[in-house]
Protein backbone atom coordinates (compact mmCIF):
# COMPACT_ATOMS: atom_id res chain seq x y z
CA MET A 1 2.03 13.91 29.95
CA HIS A 2 1.95 17.24 29.91
CA PRO A 3 1.20 19.08 32.74
CA SER A 4 -1.90 20.55 31.66
CA ASP A 5 -3.19 17.31 30.63
CA THR A 6 -2.93 15.87 34.30
CA VAL A 7 -6.34 14.61 35.93
CA LEU A 8 -7.79 16.65 38.65
CA PRO A 9 -9.09 15.05 41.59
CA PRO A 10 -12.72 15.83 41.85
CA TYR A 11 -13.10 18.30 44.38
CA ARG A 12 -10.15 20.69 42.52
CA ALA A 13 -11.83 20.26 39.20
CA TRP A 14 -15.28 21.18 40.37
CA ALA A 15 -13.23 24.45 42.40
CA ALA A 16 -12.20 25.18 39.20
CA VAL A 17 -15.58 25.21 37.49
CA ALA A 18 -16.90 27.70 40.68
CA VAL A 19 -13.89 30.20 39.65
CA VAL A 20 -14.77 30.65 36.03
CA CYS A 21 -18.36 30.26 36.73
CA ALA A 22 -17.87 33.35 38.81
CA ALA A 23 -16.38 35.10 36.61
CA LEU A 24 -19.36 34.20 34.01
CA PHE A 25 -21.65 35.46 36.38
CA LEU A 26 -19.64 39.05 36.33
CA LEU A 27 -19.66 38.90 32.59
CA GLY A 28 -23.18 38.34 32.77
CA LEU A 29 -23.83 40.82 35.26
CA ASP A 30 -21.82 43.65 33.45
CA PHE A 31 -24.35 43.38 30.70
CA THR A 32 -27.55 44.56 32.07
CA VAL A 33 -25.70 46.43 35.77
CA LEU A 34 -25.76 49.72 34.07
CA ASN A 35 -29.66 49.13 32.07
CA VAL A 36 -30.89 50.62 35.88
CA ALA A 37 -28.60 53.48 35.88
CA ILE A 38 -30.09 54.85 32.26
CA PRO A 39 -32.11 57.47 33.58
CA ARG A 40 -29.62 58.21 36.60
CA LEU A 41 -26.86 58.68 33.25
CA ARG A 42 -29.41 60.62 31.26
CA THR A 43 -29.70 63.08 34.12
CA ASP A 44 -26.24 63.86 35.05
CA LEU A 45 -24.37 63.55 31.33
CA GLY A 46 -27.25 63.94 28.83
CA PRO A 47 -26.76 61.17 26.50
CA THR A 48 -29.26 60.84 23.62
CA LEU A 49 -30.73 57.61 23.45
CA ALA A 50 -28.87 56.61 20.31
CA GLU A 51 -25.44 57.43 22.95
CA THR A 52 -27.08 55.34 25.58
CA GLN A 53 -27.79 52.19 23.05
CA TRP A 54 -23.76 52.72 22.60
CA ILE A 55 -22.90 52.85 25.73
CA VAL A 56 -25.33 49.86 26.78
CA ASP A 57 -24.10 47.87 23.72
CA GLY A 58 -20.75 48.65 23.55
CA TYR A 59 -19.71 45.83 25.94
CA ALA A 60 -21.51 43.41 23.88
CA LEU A 61 -19.85 44.89 20.46
CA ALA A 62 -16.71 44.37 21.59
CA LEU A 63 -16.83 40.86 23.14
CA GLY A 64 -18.68 39.79 20.27
CA GLY A 65 -16.36 40.70 18.18
CA CYS A 66 -12.95 39.50 19.38
CA VAL A 67 -14.03 36.37 21.17
CA LEU A 68 -13.24 34.13 18.23
CA ALA A 69 -10.16 35.82 17.87
CA ALA A 70 -9.44 35.94 21.98
CA GLY A 71 -10.41 32.01 22.12
CA ALA A 72 -7.80 30.97 19.22
CA LEU A 73 -5.46 32.82 21.26
CA GLY A 74 -6.32 31.22 24.83
CA ASP A 75 -5.96 27.62 22.83
CA ARG A 76 -2.95 28.57 21.23
CA TYR A 77 -0.99 30.20 24.94
CA GLY A 78 -2.81 29.04 27.49
CA ARG A 79 -6.21 29.21 28.68
CA ARG A 80 -5.38 30.56 32.36
CA LYS A 81 -2.75 33.36 30.77
CA ALA A 82 -6.09 34.59 28.88
CA PHE A 83 -8.24 34.40 31.69
CA LEU A 84 -6.09 36.65 33.91
CA ALA A 85 -5.10 39.01 31.19
CA GLY A 86 -8.93 39.58 30.22
CA LEU A 87 -10.04 40.09 34.34
CA ALA A 88 -7.19 42.48 34.52
CA LEU A 89 -7.97 44.70 31.47
CA CYS A 90 -11.95 44.61 32.17
CA ALA A 91 -11.01 45.35 35.65
CA ALA A 92 -8.97 48.49 34.38
CA ALA A 93 -11.31 49.51 32.26
CA SER A 94 -14.25 49.48 34.74
CA ALA A 95 -12.09 51.50 37.03
CA ALA A 96 -11.66 54.24 33.94
CA GLY A 97 -15.61 54.48 33.58
CA THR A 98 -16.12 55.96 36.89
CA LEU A 99 -14.38 58.91 35.56
CA GLY A 100 -16.33 59.07 32.56
CA THR A 101 -17.49 62.34 32.08
CA GLY A 102 -19.15 62.09 28.71
CA ALA A 103 -20.92 59.50 26.55
CA ALA A 104 -17.66 58.82 24.56
CA GLN A 105 -15.76 58.20 27.92
CA LEU A 106 -18.32 55.56 28.92
CA VAL A 107 -18.30 53.70 25.78
CA ALA A 108 -14.47 53.49 25.35
CA ALA A 109 -14.64 52.05 28.92
CA ARG A 110 -17.09 49.73 28.27
CA CYS A 111 -15.44 48.50 24.92
CA GLY A 112 -12.79 47.91 27.57
CA MET A 113 -14.48 45.93 29.45
CA GLY A 114 -16.11 43.89 26.46
CA LEU A 115 -12.69 43.19 25.20
CA GLY A 116 -11.18 41.97 28.68
CA ALA A 117 -14.37 39.52 28.67
CA ALA A 118 -13.44 38.92 25.23
CA LEU A 119 -10.41 36.98 26.56
CA PHE A 120 -11.35 35.53 29.70
CA MET A 121 -15.56 34.37 28.31
CA PRO A 122 -13.74 31.54 25.98
CA ALA A 123 -11.59 30.21 29.45
CA THR A 124 -14.73 29.38 31.33
CA LEU A 125 -16.34 27.03 28.84
CA SER A 126 -12.99 25.73 28.01
CA THR A 127 -11.78 24.88 31.13
CA VAL A 128 -15.26 23.57 32.02
CA VAL A 129 -14.41 20.92 29.47
CA HIS A 130 -10.63 20.30 30.42
CA VAL A 131 -11.17 19.82 33.98
CA LEU A 132 -13.85 17.31 33.49
CA PRO A 133 -13.68 15.08 30.93
CA GLU A 134 -16.07 12.56 31.55
CA PRO A 135 -19.37 13.15 29.70
CA ALA A 136 -22.10 13.06 32.73
CA ALA A 137 -19.95 15.36 34.83
CA ARG A 138 -19.58 17.34 31.96
CA LYS A 139 -22.87 17.95 31.29
CA ARG A 140 -24.04 18.68 34.36
CA ALA A 141 -21.41 21.58 34.40
CA ILE A 142 -22.03 22.67 31.31
CA GLY A 143 -25.83 23.14 32.48
CA ILE A 144 -24.74 24.94 35.55
CA TRP A 145 -22.46 27.19 33.32
CA ALA A 146 -25.45 27.78 31.01
CA ALA A 147 -27.78 28.78 33.90
CA VAL A 148 -24.91 31.01 35.47
CA ALA A 149 -24.89 32.82 32.35
CA GLY A 150 -28.38 33.75 32.34
CA VAL A 151 -28.93 34.33 36.23
CA GLY A 152 -25.85 36.78 35.90
CA ALA A 153 -27.25 38.97 33.44
CA VAL A 154 -30.75 38.98 35.03
CA PHE A 155 -29.19 39.47 38.47
CA GLY A 156 -27.40 42.94 36.88
CA PRO A 157 -30.33 44.92 37.11
CA VAL A 158 -31.26 44.34 40.79
CA ALA A 159 -27.32 44.98 41.84
CA GLY A 160 -27.37 47.82 39.64
CA GLY A 161 -30.51 49.36 41.04
CA LEU A 162 -29.20 49.05 44.75
CA LEU A 163 -25.54 50.63 44.01
CA VAL A 164 -27.09 53.21 41.60
CA GLU A 165 -29.71 54.32 44.13
CA ARG A 166 -26.95 54.71 47.09
CA TYR A 167 -23.77 55.42 45.37
CA GLY A 168 -24.87 56.72 42.11
CA TRP A 169 -24.15 54.87 38.24
CA GLN A 170 -20.38 55.11 38.86
CA SER A 171 -20.91 52.46 41.33
CA ALA A 172 -21.97 50.29 38.48
CA PHE A 173 -18.62 50.35 37.30
CA TRP A 174 -16.82 50.24 40.82
CA LEU A 175 -18.37 46.78 41.42
CA ASN A 176 -16.05 45.17 38.84
CA VAL A 177 -13.01 46.07 40.67
CA PRO A 178 -13.02 44.29 44.16
CA VAL A 179 -15.04 41.18 42.73
CA ILE A 180 -12.10 40.44 39.95
CA ALA A 181 -9.61 40.91 42.37
CA LEU A 182 -11.24 38.18 44.35
CA ILE A 183 -11.62 36.11 41.32
CA ALA A 184 -8.68 36.40 39.94
CA ALA A 185 -6.78 35.32 42.83
CA ALA A 186 -8.68 32.39 43.20
CA ALA A 187 -7.91 31.34 39.74
CA VAL A 188 -4.21 31.56 40.58
CA VAL A 189 -4.23 29.16 42.90
CA LEU A 190 -7.13 26.64 41.75
CA LEU A 191 -7.33 26.63 37.68
CA PRO A 192 -5.14 24.68 35.75
CA GLU A 193 -3.05 26.05 32.97
CA SER A 194 -4.13 24.30 29.48
CA ARG A 195 -3.40 24.90 26.09
CA ASP A 196 -3.99 23.22 22.42
CA SER A 197 -0.81 21.98 21.36
CA ASP A 198 -2.20 21.98 17.64
CA ALA A 199 -3.76 25.40 18.19
CA ARG A 200 -4.14 27.92 14.84
CA PRO A 201 -2.00 30.52 14.46
CA LEU A 202 -4.34 34.07 14.92
CA ASP A 203 -6.27 34.83 11.32
CA GLY A 204 -5.72 38.62 12.17
CA PRO A 205 -7.74 39.76 8.90
CA GLY A 206 -10.03 37.51 9.73
CA ALA A 207 -10.54 39.63 13.37
CA LEU A 208 -10.42 42.49 11.41
CA LEU A 209 -12.79 41.69 9.07
CA SER A 210 -15.51 40.41 11.48
CA CYS A 211 -15.01 43.38 14.21
CA THR A 212 -15.18 45.88 11.42
CA GLY A 213 -18.48 44.12 9.81
CA LEU A 214 -20.21 44.08 12.96
CA LEU A 215 -19.35 47.81 13.70
CA ALA A 216 -20.87 49.20 10.93
CA LEU A 217 -23.92 46.93 10.97
CA VAL A 218 -24.73 48.08 14.48
CA TRP A 219 -23.58 51.76 13.65
CA GLY A 220 -26.23 51.75 11.17
CA VAL A 221 -29.04 50.47 13.27
CA ILE A 222 -28.82 52.48 16.09
CA GLU A 223 -28.26 55.88 14.20
CA ALA A 224 -31.05 55.26 11.92
CA PRO A 225 -33.69 56.25 13.81
CA GLY A 226 -32.00 59.73 14.10
CA LEU A 227 -30.30 59.99 10.47
CA GLY A 228 -33.35 58.29 8.92
CA TRP A 229 -33.46 54.47 7.69
CA THR A 230 -32.50 55.45 4.07
CA SER A 231 -30.17 58.46 4.62
CA PRO A 232 -26.84 58.35 2.86
CA GLY A 233 -24.77 57.75 5.87
CA VAL A 234 -27.13 54.37 7.14
CA LEU A 235 -27.34 53.12 3.82
CA ALA A 236 -23.81 53.37 3.35
CA ALA A 237 -22.95 51.37 6.63
CA GLY A 238 -25.74 48.66 5.54
CA ALA A 239 -23.67 48.24 2.24
CA LEU A 240 -19.78 48.42 4.48
CA ALA A 241 -21.43 45.76 6.75
CA VAL A 242 -22.83 43.36 4.35
CA LEU A 243 -19.37 43.49 2.29
CA LEU A 244 -17.33 43.16 5.35
CA VAL A 245 -19.14 40.26 6.34
CA ALA A 246 -19.04 38.88 2.62
CA ALA A 247 -15.26 39.01 2.80
CA PHE A 248 -15.15 37.91 6.78
CA VAL A 249 -17.26 34.22 4.96
CA ARG A 250 -15.18 34.05 1.93
CA ARG A 251 -11.98 34.12 4.38
CA GLN A 252 -13.42 31.61 6.74
CA LEU A 253 -13.66 29.20 3.42
CA ARG A 254 -10.46 29.22 2.12
CA CYS A 255 -8.33 29.98 4.92
CA ALA A 256 -5.67 27.48 5.87
CA ALA A 257 -6.15 28.34 9.68
CA PRO A 258 -9.97 29.72 9.74
CA MET A 259 -11.18 31.80 12.95
CA VAL A 260 -14.88 29.88 12.42
CA PRO A 261 -14.49 26.36 12.34
CA VAL A 262 -16.61 25.90 9.04
CA ARG A 263 -16.13 21.84 9.25
CA LEU A 264 -18.43 21.99 12.33
CA LEU A 265 -20.88 24.24 10.58
CA SER A 266 -21.23 22.36 7.47
CA GLY A 267 -23.47 19.85 8.90
CA GLY A 268 -24.85 18.19 11.92
CA PRO A 269 -26.33 20.23 14.53
CA VAL A 270 -23.65 22.95 15.34
CA TRP A 271 -25.39 25.40 13.01
CA PRO A 272 -28.67 25.25 13.98
CA ALA A 273 -27.71 25.68 17.85
CA THR A 274 -25.31 28.49 17.17
CA ALA A 275 -28.51 30.18 15.50
CA ALA A 276 -30.88 29.29 18.16
CA LEU A 277 -28.80 30.85 20.59
CA ALA A 278 -28.04 34.01 19.05
CA LEU A 279 -31.73 34.21 18.06
CA MET A 280 -32.53 33.64 21.79
CA SER A 281 -30.02 36.09 23.03
CA PHE A 282 -31.35 38.87 20.33
CA ALA A 283 -34.55 38.42 22.19
CA MET A 284 -34.20 38.14 25.51
CA PHE A 285 -31.36 40.84 25.74
CA GLY A 286 -33.22 43.49 23.66
CA ALA A 287 -36.30 42.70 25.87
CA MET A 288 -34.48 43.34 28.61
CA PHE A 289 -33.34 46.72 27.48
CA LEU A 290 -36.92 47.83 26.96
CA LEU A 291 -37.99 46.38 30.17
CA THR A 292 -35.88 48.58 32.56
CA LEU A 293 -36.51 51.66 30.25
CA TYR A 294 -40.16 51.07 30.61
CA LEU A 295 -40.09 50.13 34.24
CA GLN A 296 -38.56 53.50 35.15
CA GLN A 297 -39.42 56.08 32.37
CA ILE A 298 -42.87 54.97 31.86
CA ARG A 299 -44.06 53.33 35.22
CA GLY A 300 -41.68 55.89 37.25
CA LEU A 301 -39.96 53.31 39.48
CA THR A 302 -36.94 53.73 40.95
CA ALA A 303 -33.46 51.76 39.84
CA TRP A 304 -33.65 49.68 42.76
CA GLN A 305 -37.55 49.02 42.11
CA ALA A 306 -37.25 47.84 38.66
CA GLY A 307 -34.21 45.73 39.44
CA MET A 308 -36.12 43.83 42.10
CA ARG A 309 -38.94 43.19 39.62
CA MET A 310 -36.02 41.12 37.34
CA ILE A 311 -35.95 38.45 39.87
CA PRO A 312 -38.58 35.96 38.18
CA LEU A 313 -36.47 36.23 35.26
CA SER A 314 -34.10 34.64 36.68
CA LEU A 315 -35.86 32.46 38.72
CA GLY A 316 -37.38 31.06 35.38
CA LEU A 317 -33.90 30.97 33.76
CA ALA A 318 -32.47 28.41 36.37
CA ALA A 319 -36.05 26.19 36.49
CA GLY A 320 -35.46 26.37 33.12
CA ALA A 321 -31.62 25.05 32.89
CA LEU A 322 -32.62 22.41 35.24
CA LEU A 323 -35.58 21.47 33.31
CA GLY A 324 -33.75 21.38 29.61
CA PRO A 325 -31.09 18.97 30.08
CA LEU A 326 -33.85 15.98 31.76
CA LEU A 327 -36.28 17.19 28.35
CA ALA A 328 -33.66 16.67 26.03
CA ARG A 329 -32.34 13.28 27.51
CA ARG A 330 -36.41 11.95 27.08
CA SER A 331 -37.23 13.55 24.00
CA GLY A 332 -34.06 14.97 22.10
CA ALA A 333 -32.89 18.78 21.90
CA ARG A 334 -35.47 20.15 19.66
CA VAL A 335 -38.36 19.86 22.47
CA PRO A 336 -36.58 22.19 24.94
CA CYS A 337 -35.17 24.31 22.40
CA ALA A 338 -37.78 24.96 19.99
CA GLY A 339 -40.26 24.81 23.28
CA GLY A 340 -38.11 27.02 25.01
CA LEU A 341 -38.36 29.83 21.89
CA LEU A 342 -41.93 29.30 21.61
CA LEU A 343 -42.12 30.73 25.47
CA ILE A 344 -39.87 33.32 24.98
CA ALA A 345 -42.40 34.41 21.81
CA ALA A 346 -45.24 34.12 24.14
CA GLY A 347 -43.70 36.34 26.79
CA PHE A 348 -43.21 39.14 23.74
CA VAL A 349 -47.04 38.96 23.79
CA GLN A 350 -47.47 40.10 27.21
CA LEU A 351 -44.84 42.79 26.95
CA GLY A 352 -46.48 44.24 23.54
CA GLY A 353 -49.43 44.68 25.66
CA LEU A 354 -47.81 46.74 28.57
CA GLU A 355 -49.26 50.69 29.11
CA ALA A 356 -48.37 53.05 31.68
CA GLY A 357 -50.91 51.71 34.08
CA SER A 358 -50.83 47.75 33.12
CA GLY A 359 -49.22 47.03 36.38
CA ASP A 360 -46.92 44.02 37.12
CA VAL A 361 -48.77 40.83 36.57
CA PRO A 362 -47.80 41.07 32.33
CA VAL A 363 -44.46 42.04 33.10
CA LEU A 364 -44.08 39.26 35.89
CA LEU A 365 -45.73 36.74 33.41
CA PHE A 366 -43.24 37.91 30.45
CA GLU A 367 -40.10 37.36 32.59
CA ALA A 368 -41.58 33.87 33.74
CA LEU A 369 -42.11 32.32 30.15
CA ALA A 370 -39.14 34.37 28.80
CA GLY A 371 -37.09 33.46 31.32
CA LEU A 372 -38.08 29.42 31.29
CA GLY A 373 -37.83 29.60 27.67
CA ALA A 374 -34.36 30.66 27.73
CA GLY A 375 -33.35 28.55 30.55
CA LEU A 376 -34.78 25.36 28.31
CA LEU A 377 -32.70 26.46 25.38
CA ALA A 378 -29.52 27.54 26.47
CA PRO A 379 -27.32 24.23 28.38
CA VAL A 380 -29.00 21.92 25.21
CA ALA A 381 -27.56 24.23 22.74
CA THR A 382 -24.55 25.09 24.40
CA GLU A 383 -23.88 21.05 24.94
CA LEU A 384 -24.43 20.59 21.13
CA VAL A 385 -21.81 23.10 19.97
CA MET A 386 -19.33 21.83 23.07
CA GLY A 387 -19.78 17.92 22.53
CA ALA A 388 -18.98 18.54 18.51
CA VAL A 389 -15.88 19.92 19.33
CA PRO A 390 -12.55 18.02 20.33
CA ALA A 391 -11.32 18.81 23.88
CA ALA A 392 -8.10 19.97 22.83
CA ALA A 393 -9.52 23.02 20.63
CA ALA A 394 -12.60 23.56 23.14
CA GLY A 395 -11.46 27.39 23.06
CA VAL A 396 -12.69 27.38 19.43
CA GLY A 397 -16.08 25.77 20.54
CA SER A 398 -16.18 27.73 23.40
CA ALA A 399 -15.77 31.06 21.51
CA LEU A 400 -18.06 30.30 18.53
CA ASN A 401 -20.83 29.26 21.05
CA ASP A 402 -19.58 33.01 23.08
CA ALA A 403 -19.37 34.63 19.79
CA THR A 404 -23.15 33.73 18.14
CA ARG A 405 -24.35 35.06 21.75
CA GLN A 406 -23.14 37.69 22.23
CA VAL A 407 -23.63 39.16 18.63
CA GLY A 408 -27.14 38.05 18.99
CA SER A 409 -27.21 40.43 22.16
CA THR A 410 -25.69 43.14 20.76
CA LEU A 411 -28.01 43.23 17.53
CA GLY A 412 -31.03 42.42 20.18
CA VAL A 413 -30.42 45.43 21.83
CA ALA A 414 -29.30 47.77 18.64
CA VAL A 415 -32.68 46.54 16.89
CA LEU A 416 -35.42 46.59 19.15
CA GLY A 417 -33.84 49.94 20.97
CA SER A 418 -34.10 51.62 17.39
CA VAL A 419 -37.51 49.93 16.74
CA LEU A 420 -38.63 52.21 19.84
CA ALA A 421 -36.62 54.92 18.90
CA THR A 422 -37.90 55.56 15.76
CA SER A 423 -41.54 55.97 17.46
CA LEU A 424 -40.02 58.36 19.69
CA THR A 425 -38.07 60.72 17.01
CA ASP A 426 -40.34 63.33 16.73
CA THR A 427 -41.95 63.05 20.26
CA ALA A 428 -41.09 64.44 23.69
CA PRO A 429 -39.12 61.97 25.85
CA GLY A 430 -41.59 61.37 28.49
CA ASP A 431 -44.64 60.50 25.98
CA GLN A 432 -46.43 57.44 26.79
CA ILE A 433 -48.25 56.81 24.22
CA ALA A 434 -45.60 57.17 21.86
CA PHE A 435 -43.44 54.77 23.93
CA THR A 436 -45.95 52.22 24.05
CA GLU A 437 -46.51 52.32 20.55
CA GLY A 438 -42.87 51.91 20.29
CA LEU A 439 -42.64 49.00 22.64
CA THR A 440 -45.26 47.16 20.88
CA ALA A 441 -43.46 47.33 17.63
CA ALA A 442 -40.28 46.20 19.18
CA ALA A 443 -41.70 43.30 20.56
CA VAL A 444 -43.67 42.09 17.73
CA VAL A 445 -39.96 41.80 15.89
CA GLY A 446 -38.73 40.37 18.86
CA GLY A 447 -41.19 37.96 19.00
CA ALA A 448 -41.55 37.03 15.16
CA VAL A 449 -37.94 36.42 15.76
CA ALA A 450 -38.02 33.69 18.57
CA LEU A 451 -40.66 31.95 15.94
CA VAL A 452 -38.54 31.63 13.24
CA ALA A 453 -36.04 30.37 15.66
CA ALA A 454 -38.53 27.63 17.12
CA VAL A 455 -39.13 26.38 13.99
CA LEU A 456 -35.53 26.48 12.74
CA ALA A 457 -34.85 24.57 16.07
CA TRP A 458 -37.52 22.31 15.71
CA PHE A 459 -36.94 21.40 12.26
CA ARG A 460 -32.98 21.33 12.19
CA LEU A 461 -32.29 19.67 15.78
CA PRO A 462 -32.48 16.26 16.35
CA GLY A 463 -34.89 14.45 18.21
CA ARG A 464 -34.96 11.43 20.18
CA ARG A 465 -32.75 8.87 18.94
CA PRO A 466 -35.50 5.59 18.02
CA ARG A 467 -34.76 2.73 20.02
CA PRO A 468 -32.95 -0.36 18.17
CA VAL A 469 -35.98 -2.98 17.24
CA LEU A 470 -34.80 -6.37 18.57
CA VAL A 471 -35.61 -9.16 15.99
CA PRO A 472 -36.76 -12.55 17.57
CA ASP A 473 -34.22 -15.28 17.06
CA ARG A 474 -36.52 -17.09 15.08
CA ASP A 475 -37.09 -14.06 12.86
CA LEU A 476 -32.89 -14.04 12.62
CA SER A 477 -32.92 -17.61 11.84
CA THR A 478 -35.56 -17.59 8.84
CA THR A 479 -33.45 -14.81 7.49
CA GLN A 480 -30.33 -16.66 7.12
CA ARG A 481 -32.09 -19.60 5.29
């Protein structure tokens, strides 16, 4: 038996789960910790709204574009090695970010953090699958994993608000360094090494096509409000993105060792589950970006006050993550997934109605609805994806799950932010009427995406399996005669 195949005692297995969930919490926090620092950043460094979107999106862009390749590397060379290497890269890039004096440097630092996260994120979920082979324990752990991922992202504005007010925007970067050191020390002691003995070779051309295709798409969306949606540069970026993505899909269909496991996506619940996760992430992360801008630029709240108003979102996520698996056991995956997306769409109705004097009630109602909805969906859809992947190739399944979520997050910030920016292009930065009009337009887009995803989930995800019909003995005997 290979050392990586040794069955761990329960206390060691759950300790390993705690370590990877701590890293996942930090990853989620890094997604959003800078959101509440945006006004201070714009005051100190003067980036445009498009540059601000790049600072926020650079992390998710690098993570989403590279996580598939990183998952394959972890499966091939060792998931603990990938986990530790990713933590080290993330810490180094975070330290570099504190020295930034312009938007370009901060974008580079955020991209470096995203590359590090791409290395360690697939190892989090694949480690859960590896150390807990028993199905019931694994499902509980995946539910915890999904809740931690969401709560970490929501806790980012809270931690960011406290740090930014006291120590400036640089503290949002410095936060990572000591926390990563603690997680890495625990990982060295508690994480077992695991790998796939039949792992596929890395598809370098596929990785390049996926990264550049996503980059071209996001660049076009973010720059469109300033350059014009029909400008030659934006149209060229859109056409290039289509060509690159099409070439990536073609390669995945023909490649002997594809980055995306096409076999898994060809049928069953995996492709609608990953689509639901991507569209949920699109709506949620785009909404959080808009909401933090609204709370500080229109409501005039401090970073700490804005961050504290995100707490109901984390409570909703935690509650949903507990309820989702229970609903799935009773009624199948379609009820918590489609129902959760409908709750997110209902939350966007509240978000679209926000005005300068709206107060806290509609904000908190949006967070409660959207948080509960995302929490219902995330663990159920994640379990559908991971349940279809052999344990030996858990890194590939984890990377597929992670990539769809990060691409959705990246596009959510880019698209909804650009819809808002289009309304502000010819107005003063603090124009409240233009901002609320743009917020309404962005909320319509986000709500429509959530509704489309709900319909997809209802018709494509499995419902409750019918109970077997027991035929009385006399009927059997009659049939036999």
